[in-house]
Amino acid sequence: MLSRLLLALTTRRPRAWELVETGLNGLAADLAREGWQVRFAGPRWDFVWTREWQTPHACRILVLPDPGQGGPCPLGEPER
């Protein structure tokens, strides 16, 4: 229970424009149809949730690095 609270406090929902900008809008829509959600985490917490994957998996959450905090764009740099 504590780990689920920590997951909620250390991740955030991506804004719609961030999904479009990073190219994740299609993936997020596909995951939502399956009952999953995409959330962003800062660099340190992304590392933690990558290692402790059981909690996000049980909550049906895909944790990705936050591109707004210096995390890599998950699908590469968007075309400008």
PDB file of N, CA and C in Angstrom:
ATOM      1  N   MET A   1       0.817  -1.180   0.000  1.00  0.00           N
ATOM      2  CA  MET A   1       0.000   0.000   0.000  1.00  0.00           C
ATOM      3  C   MET A   1       0.873   1.260   0.000  1.00  0.00           C
ATOM      4  N   LEU A   2       1.927   1.251   0.790  1.00  0.00           N
ATOM      5  CA  LEU A   2       2.832   2.385   0.841  1.00  0.00           C
ATOM      6  C   LEU A   2       3.528   2.587  -0.512  1.00  0.00           C
ATOM      7  N   SER A   3       3.880   1.496  -1.164  1.00  0.00           N
ATOM      8  CA  SER A   3       4.557   1.630  -2.461  1.00  0.00           C
ATOM      9  C   SER A   3       3.623   2.221  -3.514  1.00  0.00           C
ATOM     10  N   ARG A   4       2.330   1.930  -3.445  1.00  0.00           N
ATOM     11  CA  ARG A   4       1.375   2.516  -4.397  1.00  0.00           C
ATOM     12  C   ARG A   4       1.222   4.017  -4.168  1.00  0.00           C
ATOM     13  N   LEU A   5       1.219   4.421  -2.900  1.00  0.00           N
ATOM     14  CA  LEU A   5       1.156   5.841  -2.580  1.00  0.00           C
ATOM     15  C   LEU A   5       2.418   6.545  -3.075  1.00  0.00           C
ATOM     16  N   LEU A   6       3.570   5.934  -2.861  1.00  0.00           N
ATOM     17  CA  LEU A   6       4.831   6.502  -3.325  1.00  0.00           C
ATOM     18  C   LEU A   6       4.843   6.611  -4.846  1.00  0.00           C
ATOM     19  N   LEU A   7       4.304   5.617  -5.536  1.00  0.00           N
ATOM     20  CA  LEU A   7       4.216   5.665  -6.997  1.00  0.00           C
ATOM     21  C   LEU A   7       3.362   6.857  -7.437  1.00  0.00           C
ATOM     22  N   ALA A   8       2.240   7.062  -6.777  1.00  0.00           N
ATOM     23  CA  ALA A   8       1.358   8.179  -7.129  1.00  0.00           C
ATOM     24  C   ALA A   8       2.018   9.529  -6.859  1.00  0.00           C
ATOM     25  N   LEU A   9       2.813   9.605  -5.810  1.00  0.00           N
ATOM     26  CA  LEU A   9       3.444  10.873  -5.448  1.00  0.00           C
ATOM     27  C   LEU A   9       4.698  11.191  -6.261  1.00  0.00           C
ATOM     28  N   THR A  10       5.310  10.188  -6.860  1.00  0.00           N
ATOM     29  CA  THR A  10       6.580  10.408  -7.562  1.00  0.00           C
ATOM     30  C   THR A  10       6.446  10.355  -9.077  1.00  0.00           C
ATOM     31  N   THR A  11       5.238  10.164  -9.573  1.00  0.00           N
ATOM     32  CA  THR A  11       5.001  10.175 -11.012  1.00  0.00           C
ATOM     33  C   THR A  11       3.887  11.169 -11.310  1.00  0.00           C
ATOM     34  N   ARG A  12       3.756  11.500 -12.585  1.00  0.00           N
ATOM     35  CA  ARG A  12       2.683  12.410 -12.973  1.00  0.00           C
ATOM     36  C   ARG A  12       2.106  11.983 -14.311  1.00  0.00           C
ATOM     37  N   ARG A  13       0.866  12.371 -14.516  1.00  0.00           N
ATOM     38  CA  ARG A  13       0.239  12.108 -15.800  1.00  0.00           C
ATOM     39  C   ARG A  13       0.824  13.052 -16.839  1.00  0.00           C
ATOM     40  N   PRO A  14       1.087  12.553 -18.031  1.00  0.00           N
ATOM     41  CA  PRO A  14       1.588  13.447 -19.079  1.00  0.00           C
ATOM     42  C   PRO A  14       0.465  14.333 -19.607  1.00  0.00           C
ATOM     43  N   ARG A  15       0.825  15.524 -19.990  1.00  0.00           N
ATOM     44  CA  ARG A  15      -0.145  16.423 -20.632  1.00  0.00           C
ATOM     45  C   ARG A  15      -0.342  15.964 -22.067  1.00  0.00           C
ATOM     46  N   ALA A  16      -1.494  16.275 -22.642  1.00  0.00           N
ATOM     47  CA  ALA A  16      -1.812  15.817 -24.002  1.00  0.00           C
ATOM     48  C   ALA A  16      -0.759  16.273 -25.007  1.00  0.00           C
ATOM     49  N   TRP A  17      -0.299  17.513 -24.896  1.00  0.00           N
ATOM     50  CA  TRP A  17       0.688  18.005 -25.855  1.00  0.00           C
ATOM     51  C   TRP A  17       2.029  17.305 -25.695  1.00  0.00           C
ATOM     52  N   GLU A  18       2.347  16.836 -24.474  1.00  0.00           N
ATOM     53  CA  GLU A  18       3.607  16.105 -24.270  1.00  0.00           C
ATOM     54  C   GLU A  18       3.554  14.754 -24.973  1.00  0.00           C
ATOM     55  N   LEU A  19       2.390  14.114 -24.936  1.00  0.00           N
ATOM     56  CA  LEU A  19       2.253  12.833 -25.624  1.00  0.00           C
ATOM     57  C   LEU A  19       2.423  13.006 -27.129  1.00  0.00           C
ATOM     58  N   VAL A  20       1.841  14.072 -27.679  1.00  0.00           N
ATOM     59  CA  VAL A  20       1.971  14.332 -29.109  1.00  0.00           C
ATOM     60  C   VAL A  20       3.416  14.674 -29.451  1.00  0.00           C
ATOM     61  N   GLU A  21       4.018  15.541 -28.647  1.00  0.00           N
ATOM     62  CA  GLU A  21       5.389  15.991 -28.911  1.00  0.00           C
ATOM     63  C   GLU A  21       6.391  14.840 -28.850  1.00  0.00           C
ATOM     64  N   THR A  22       6.183  13.898 -27.944  1.00  0.00           N
ATOM     65  CA  THR A  22       7.115  12.773 -27.803  1.00  0.00           C
ATOM     66  C   THR A  22       6.742  11.582 -28.670  1.00  0.00           C
ATOM     67  N   GLY A  23       5.602  11.668 -29.338  1.00  0.00           N
ATOM     68  CA  GLY A  23       5.181  10.572 -30.210  1.00  0.00           C
ATOM     69  C   GLY A  23       4.534   9.416 -29.460  1.00  0.00           C
ATOM     70  N   LEU A  24       4.120   9.662 -28.227  1.00  0.00           N
ATOM     71  CA  LEU A  24       3.538   8.597 -27.405  1.00  0.00           C
ATOM     72  C   LEU A  24       2.009   8.573 -27.424  1.00  0.00           C
ATOM     73  N   ASN A  25       1.386   9.477 -28.173  1.00  0.00           N
ATOM     74  CA  ASN A  25      -0.071   9.547 -28.141  1.00  0.00           C
ATOM     75  C   ASN A  25      -0.728   8.256 -28.619  1.00  0.00           C
ATOM     76  N   GLY A  26      -0.209   7.633 -29.641  1.00  0.00           N
ATOM     77  CA  GLY A  26      -0.762   6.368 -30.129  1.00  0.00           C
ATOM     78  C   GLY A  26      -0.573   5.246 -29.123  1.00  0.00           C
ATOM     79  N   LEU A  27       0.618   5.170 -28.542  1.00  0.00           N
ATOM     80  CA  LEU A  27       0.899   4.148 -27.538  1.00  0.00           C
ATOM     81  C   LEU A  27       0.018   4.331 -26.316  1.00  0.00           C
ATOM     82  N   ALA A  28      -0.125   5.573 -25.857  1.00  0.00           N
ATOM     83  CA  ALA A  28      -0.956   5.851 -24.685  1.00  0.00           C
ATOM     84  C   ALA A  28      -2.414   5.468 -24.943  1.00  0.00           C
ATOM     85  N   ALA A  29      -2.902   5.735 -26.146  1.00  0.00           N
ATOM     86  CA  ALA A  29      -4.285   5.377 -26.486  1.00  0.00           C
ATOM     87  C   ALA A  29      -4.458   3.859 -26.507  1.00  0.00           C
ATOM     88  N   ASP A  30      -3.490   3.153 -27.079  1.00  0.00           N
ATOM     89  CA  ASP A  30      -3.554   1.686 -27.096  1.00  0.00           C
ATOM     90  C   ASP A  30      -3.517   1.113 -25.685  1.00  0.00           C
ATOM     91  N   LEU A  31      -2.645   1.650 -24.857  1.00  0.00           N
ATOM     92  CA  LEU A  31      -2.549   1.175 -23.473  1.00  0.00           C
ATOM     93  C   LEU A  31      -3.824   1.477 -22.692  1.00  0.00           C
ATOM     94  N   ALA A  32      -4.423   2.637 -22.927  1.00  0.00           N
ATOM     95  CA  ALA A  32      -5.657   3.006 -22.220  1.00  0.00           C
ATOM     96  C   ALA A  32      -6.786   2.041 -22.557  1.00  0.00           C
ATOM     97  N   ARG A  33      -6.837   1.584 -23.797  1.00  0.00           N
ATOM     98  CA  ARG A  33      -7.862   0.603 -24.178  1.00  0.00           C
ATOM     99  C   ARG A  33      -7.687  -0.715 -23.429  1.00  0.00           C
ATOM    100  N   GLU A  34      -6.449  -1.011 -23.044  1.00  0.00           N
ATOM    101  CA  GLU A  34      -6.157  -2.241 -22.313  1.00  0.00           C
ATOM    102  C   GLU A  34      -6.207  -2.043 -20.799  1.00  0.00           C
ATOM    103  N   GLY A  35      -6.512  -0.814 -20.346  1.00  0.00           N
ATOM    104  CA  GLY A  35      -6.602  -0.541 -18.912  1.00  0.00           C
ATOM    105  C   GLY A  35      -5.317  -0.064 -18.268  1.00  0.00           C
ATOM    106  N   TRP A  36      -4.313   0.267 -19.070  1.00  0.00           N
ATOM    107  CA  TRP A  36      -3.044   0.758 -18.558  1.00  0.00           C
ATOM    108  C   TRP A  36      -2.989   2.268 -18.702  1.00  0.00           C
ATOM    109  N   GLN A  37      -2.065   2.911 -17.999  1.00  0.00           N
ATOM    110  CA  GLN A  37      -1.833   4.333 -18.172  1.00  0.00           C
ATOM    111  C   GLN A  37      -0.346   4.625 -18.205  1.00  0.00           C
ATOM    112  N   VAL A  38      -0.008   5.711 -18.892  1.00  0.00           N
ATOM    113  CA  VAL A  38       1.381   6.170 -18.991  1.00  0.00           C
ATOM    114  C   VAL A  38       1.567   7.283 -17.970  1.00  0.00           C
ATOM    115  N   ARG A  39       2.672   7.219 -17.220  1.00  0.00           N
ATOM    116  CA  ARG A  39       3.009   8.278 -16.270  1.00  0.00           C
ATOM    117  C   ARG A  39       4.491   8.585 -16.425  1.00  0.00           C
ATOM    118  N   PHE A  40       4.845   9.837 -16.171  1.00  0.00           N
ATOM    119  CA  PHE A  40       6.234  10.278 -16.240  1.00  0.00           C
ATOM    120  C   PHE A  40       6.808  10.391 -14.837  1.00  0.00           C
ATOM    121  N   ALA A  41       8.097  10.089 -14.722  1.00  0.00           N
ATOM    122  CA  ALA A  41       8.819  10.232 -13.450  1.00  0.00           C
ATOM    123  C   ALA A  41      10.133  10.946 -13.724  1.00  0.00           C
ATOM    124  N   GLY A  42      10.576  11.722 -12.744  1.00  0.00           N
ATOM    125  CA  GLY A  42      11.867  12.394 -12.849  1.00  0.00           C
ATOM    126  C   GLY A  42      12.989  11.375 -12.916  1.00  0.00           C
ATOM    127  N   PRO A  43      14.203  11.823 -13.233  1.00  0.00           N
ATOM    128  CA  PRO A  43      15.321  10.901 -13.448  1.00  0.00           C
ATOM    129  C   PRO A  43      15.579   9.922 -12.303  1.00  0.00           C
ATOM    130  N   ARG A  44      15.585  10.395 -11.077  1.00  0.00           N
ATOM    131  CA  ARG A  44      15.866   9.482  -9.957  1.00  0.00           C
ATOM    132  C   ARG A  44      14.737   8.481  -9.763  1.00  0.00           C
ATOM    133  N   TRP A  45      13.514   8.965  -9.815  1.00  0.00           N
ATOM    134  CA  TRP A  45      12.379   8.070  -9.589  1.00  0.00           C
ATOM    135  C   TRP A  45      12.159   7.135 -10.760  1.00  0.00           C
ATOM    136  N   ASP A  46      12.489   7.568 -11.959  1.00  0.00           N
ATOM    137  CA  ASP A  46      12.407   6.654 -13.096  1.00  0.00           C
ATOM    138  C   ASP A  46      13.344   5.473 -12.880  1.00  0.00           C
ATOM    139  N   PHE A  47      14.530   5.756 -12.364  1.00  0.00           N
ATOM    140  CA  PHE A  47      15.494   4.702 -12.057  1.00  0.00           C
ATOM    141  C   PHE A  47      14.935   3.745 -11.005  1.00  0.00           C
ATOM    142  N   VAL A  48      14.322   4.302  -9.960  1.00  0.00           N
ATOM    143  CA  VAL A  48      13.744   3.471  -8.896  1.00  0.00           C
ATOM    144  C   VAL A  48      12.655   2.569  -9.462  1.00  0.00           C
ATOM    145  N   TRP A  49      11.727   3.130 -10.238  1.00  0.00           N
ATOM    146  CA  TRP A  49      10.599   2.336 -10.742  1.00  0.00           C
ATOM    147  C   TRP A  49      11.018   1.370 -11.842  1.00  0.00           C
ATOM    148  N   THR A  50      12.154   1.628 -12.480  1.00  0.00           N
ATOM    149  CA  THR A  50      12.678   0.650 -13.435  1.00  0.00           C
ATOM    150  C   THR A  50      13.168  -0.590 -12.690  1.00  0.00           C
ATOM    151  N   ARG A  51      13.779  -0.368 -11.533  1.00  0.00           N
ATOM    152  CA  ARG A  51      14.286  -1.485 -10.724  1.00  0.00           C
ATOM    153  C   ARG A  51      13.161  -2.172  -9.941  1.00  0.00           C
ATOM    154  N   GLU A  52      12.244  -1.398  -9.424  1.00  0.00           N
ATOM    155  CA  GLU A  52      11.122  -1.927  -8.634  1.00  0.00           C
ATOM    156  C   GLU A  52       9.865  -1.930  -9.498  1.00  0.00           C
ATOM    157  N   TRP A  53       9.866  -2.729 -10.527  1.00  0.00           N
ATOM    158  CA  TRP A  53       8.806  -2.705 -11.532  1.00  0.00           C
ATOM    159  C   TRP A  53       7.511  -3.377 -11.077  1.00  0.00           C
ATOM    160  N   GLN A  54       7.543  -4.135  -9.989  1.00  0.00           N
ATOM    161  CA  GLN A  54       6.362  -4.884  -9.573  1.00  0.00           C
ATOM    162  C   GLN A  54       5.185  -3.983  -9.213  1.00  0.00           C
ATOM    163  N   THR A  55       5.443  -2.880  -8.540  1.00  0.00           N
ATOM    164  CA  THR A  55       4.351  -1.985  -8.132  1.00  0.00           C
ATOM    165  C   THR A  55       3.684  -1.329  -9.339  1.00  0.00           C
ATOM    166  N   PRO A  56       4.435  -0.699 -10.248  1.00  0.00           N
ATOM    167  CA  PRO A  56       3.752  -0.135 -11.419  1.00  0.00           C
ATOM    168  C   PRO A  56       3.017  -1.201 -12.235  1.00  0.00           C
ATOM    169  N   HIS A  57       3.611  -2.372 -12.344  1.00  0.00           N
ATOM    170  CA  HIS A  57       2.967  -3.441 -13.108  1.00  0.00           C
ATOM    171  C   HIS A  57       1.648  -3.852 -12.455  1.00  0.00           C
ATOM    172  N   ALA A  58       1.638  -3.977 -11.144  1.00  0.00           N
ATOM    173  CA  ALA A  58       0.403  -4.340 -10.432  1.00  0.00           C
ATOM    174  C   ALA A  58      -0.661  -3.251 -10.563  1.00  0.00           C
ATOM    175  N   CYS A  59      -0.222  -2.001 -10.675  1.00  0.00           N
ATOM    176  CA  CYS A  59      -1.156  -0.870 -10.832  1.00  0.00           C
ATOM    177  C   CYS A  59      -1.486  -0.602 -12.302  1.00  0.00           C
ATOM    178  N   ARG A  60      -0.904  -1.380 -13.191  1.00  0.00           N
ATOM    179  CA  ARG A  60      -1.101  -1.223 -14.632  1.00  0.00           C
ATOM    180  C   ARG A  60      -0.679   0.173 -15.097  1.00  0.00           C
ATOM    181  N   ILE A  61       0.545   0.539 -14.710  1.00  0.00           N
ATOM    182  CA  ILE A  61       1.120   1.839 -15.058  1.00  0.00           C
ATOM    183  C   ILE A  61       2.458   1.621 -15.752  1.00  0.00           C
ATOM    184  N   LEU A  62       2.642   2.297 -16.879  1.00  0.00           N
ATOM    185  CA  LEU A  62       3.924   2.299 -17.577  1.00  0.00           C
ATOM    186  C   LEU A  62       4.642   3.586 -17.196  1.00  0.00           C
ATOM    187  N   VAL A  63       5.750   3.477 -16.475  1.00  0.00           N
ATOM    188  CA  VAL A  63       6.508   4.647 -16.020  1.00  0.00           C
ATOM    189  C   VAL A  63       7.631   4.917 -17.015  1.00  0.00           C
ATOM    190  N   LEU A  64       7.651   6.151 -17.524  1.00  0.00           N
ATOM    191  CA  LEU A  64       8.671   6.579 -18.480  1.00  0.00           C
ATOM    192  C   LEU A  64       9.411   7.792 -17.940  1.00  0.00           C
ATOM    193  N   PRO A  65      10.642   8.029 -18.415  1.00  0.00           N
ATOM    194  CA  PRO A  65      11.380   9.211 -17.977  1.00  0.00           C
ATOM    195  C   PRO A  65      10.663  10.481 -18.426  1.00  0.00           C
ATOM    196  N   ASP A  66      10.634  11.468 -17.566  1.00  0.00           N
ATOM    197  CA  ASP A  66       9.974  12.731 -17.865  1.00  0.00           C
ATOM    198  C   ASP A  66      10.833  13.546 -18.825  1.00  0.00           C
ATOM    199  N   PRO A  67      10.379  13.768 -20.055  1.00  0.00           N
ATOM    200  CA  PRO A  67      11.199  14.539 -20.999  1.00  0.00           C
ATOM    201  C   PRO A  67      11.356  15.992 -20.578  1.00  0.00           C
ATOM    202  N   GLY A  68      10.460  16.508 -19.750  1.00  0.00           N
ATOM    203  CA  GLY A  68      10.558  17.877 -19.274  1.00  0.00           C
ATOM    204  C   GLY A  68      11.615  18.070 -18.201  1.00  0.00           C
ATOM    205  N   GLN A  69      12.124  16.972 -17.636  1.00  0.00           N
ATOM    206  CA  GLN A  69      13.153  17.046 -16.605  1.00  0.00           C
ATOM    207  C   GLN A  69      14.472  16.476 -17.095  1.00  0.00           C
ATOM    208  N   GLY A  70      14.671  16.548 -18.367  1.00  0.00           N
ATOM    209  CA  GLY A  70      15.942  16.092 -18.925  1.00  0.00           C
ATOM    210  C   GLY A  70      15.955  14.622 -19.291  1.00  0.00           C
ATOM    211  N   GLY A  71      14.813  13.944 -19.155  1.00  0.00           N
ATOM    212  CA  GLY A  71      14.736  12.549 -19.556  1.00  0.00           C
ATOM    213  C   GLY A  71      14.745  12.450 -21.075  1.00  0.00           C
ATOM    214  N   PRO A  72      15.222  11.347 -21.600  1.00  0.00           N
ATOM    215  CA  PRO A  72      15.256  11.209 -23.054  1.00  0.00           C
ATOM    216  C   PRO A  72      13.840  11.100 -23.607  1.00  0.00           C
ATOM    217  N   CYS A  73      13.658  11.592 -24.809  1.00  0.00           N
ATOM    218  CA  CYS A  73      12.378  11.425 -25.478  1.00  0.00           C
ATOM    219  C   CYS A  73      12.233   9.930 -25.761  1.00  0.00           C
ATOM    220  N   PRO A  74      11.183   9.272 -25.278  1.00  0.00           N
ATOM    221  CA  PRO A  74      11.079   7.812 -25.379  1.00  0.00           C
ATOM    222  C   PRO A  74      11.197   7.260 -26.796  1.00  0.00           C
ATOM    223  N   LEU A  75      10.729   7.982 -27.794  1.00  0.00           N
ATOM    224  CA  LEU A  75      10.788   7.476 -29.168  1.00  0.00           C
ATOM    225  C   LEU A  75      11.752   8.276 -30.010  1.00  0.00           C
ATOM    226  N   GLY A  76      12.735   8.896 -29.390  1.00  0.00           N
ATOM    227  CA  GLY A  76      13.700   9.708 -30.117  1.00  0.00           C
ATOM    228  C   GLY A  76      13.213  11.148 -30.203  1.00  0.00           C
ATOM    229  N   GLU A  77      14.014  11.998 -30.764  1.00  0.00           N
ATOM    230  CA  GLU A  77      13.651  13.408 -30.877  1.00  0.00           C
ATOM    231  C   GLU A  77      12.544  13.581 -31.911  1.00  0.00           C
ATOM    232  N   PRO A  78      11.492  14.339 -31.567  1.00  0.00           N
ATOM    233  CA  PRO A  78      10.428  14.581 -32.550  1.00  0.00           C
ATOM    234  C   PRO A  78      10.941  15.465 -33.677  1.00  0.00           C
ATOM    235  N   GLU A  79      10.375  15.265 -34.850  1.00  0.00           N
ATOM    236  CA  GLU A  79      10.767  16.077 -35.997  1.00  0.00           C
ATOM    237  C   GLU A  79      10.230  17.484 -35.835  1.00  0.00           C
ATOM    238  N   ARG A  80      11.009  18.461 -36.215  1.00  0.00           N
ATOM    239  CA  ARG A  80      10.598  19.872 -36.115  1.00  0.00           C
ATOM    240  C   ARG A  80      10.331  20.426 -37.470  1.00  0.00           C
TER     241      ARG A  80
END
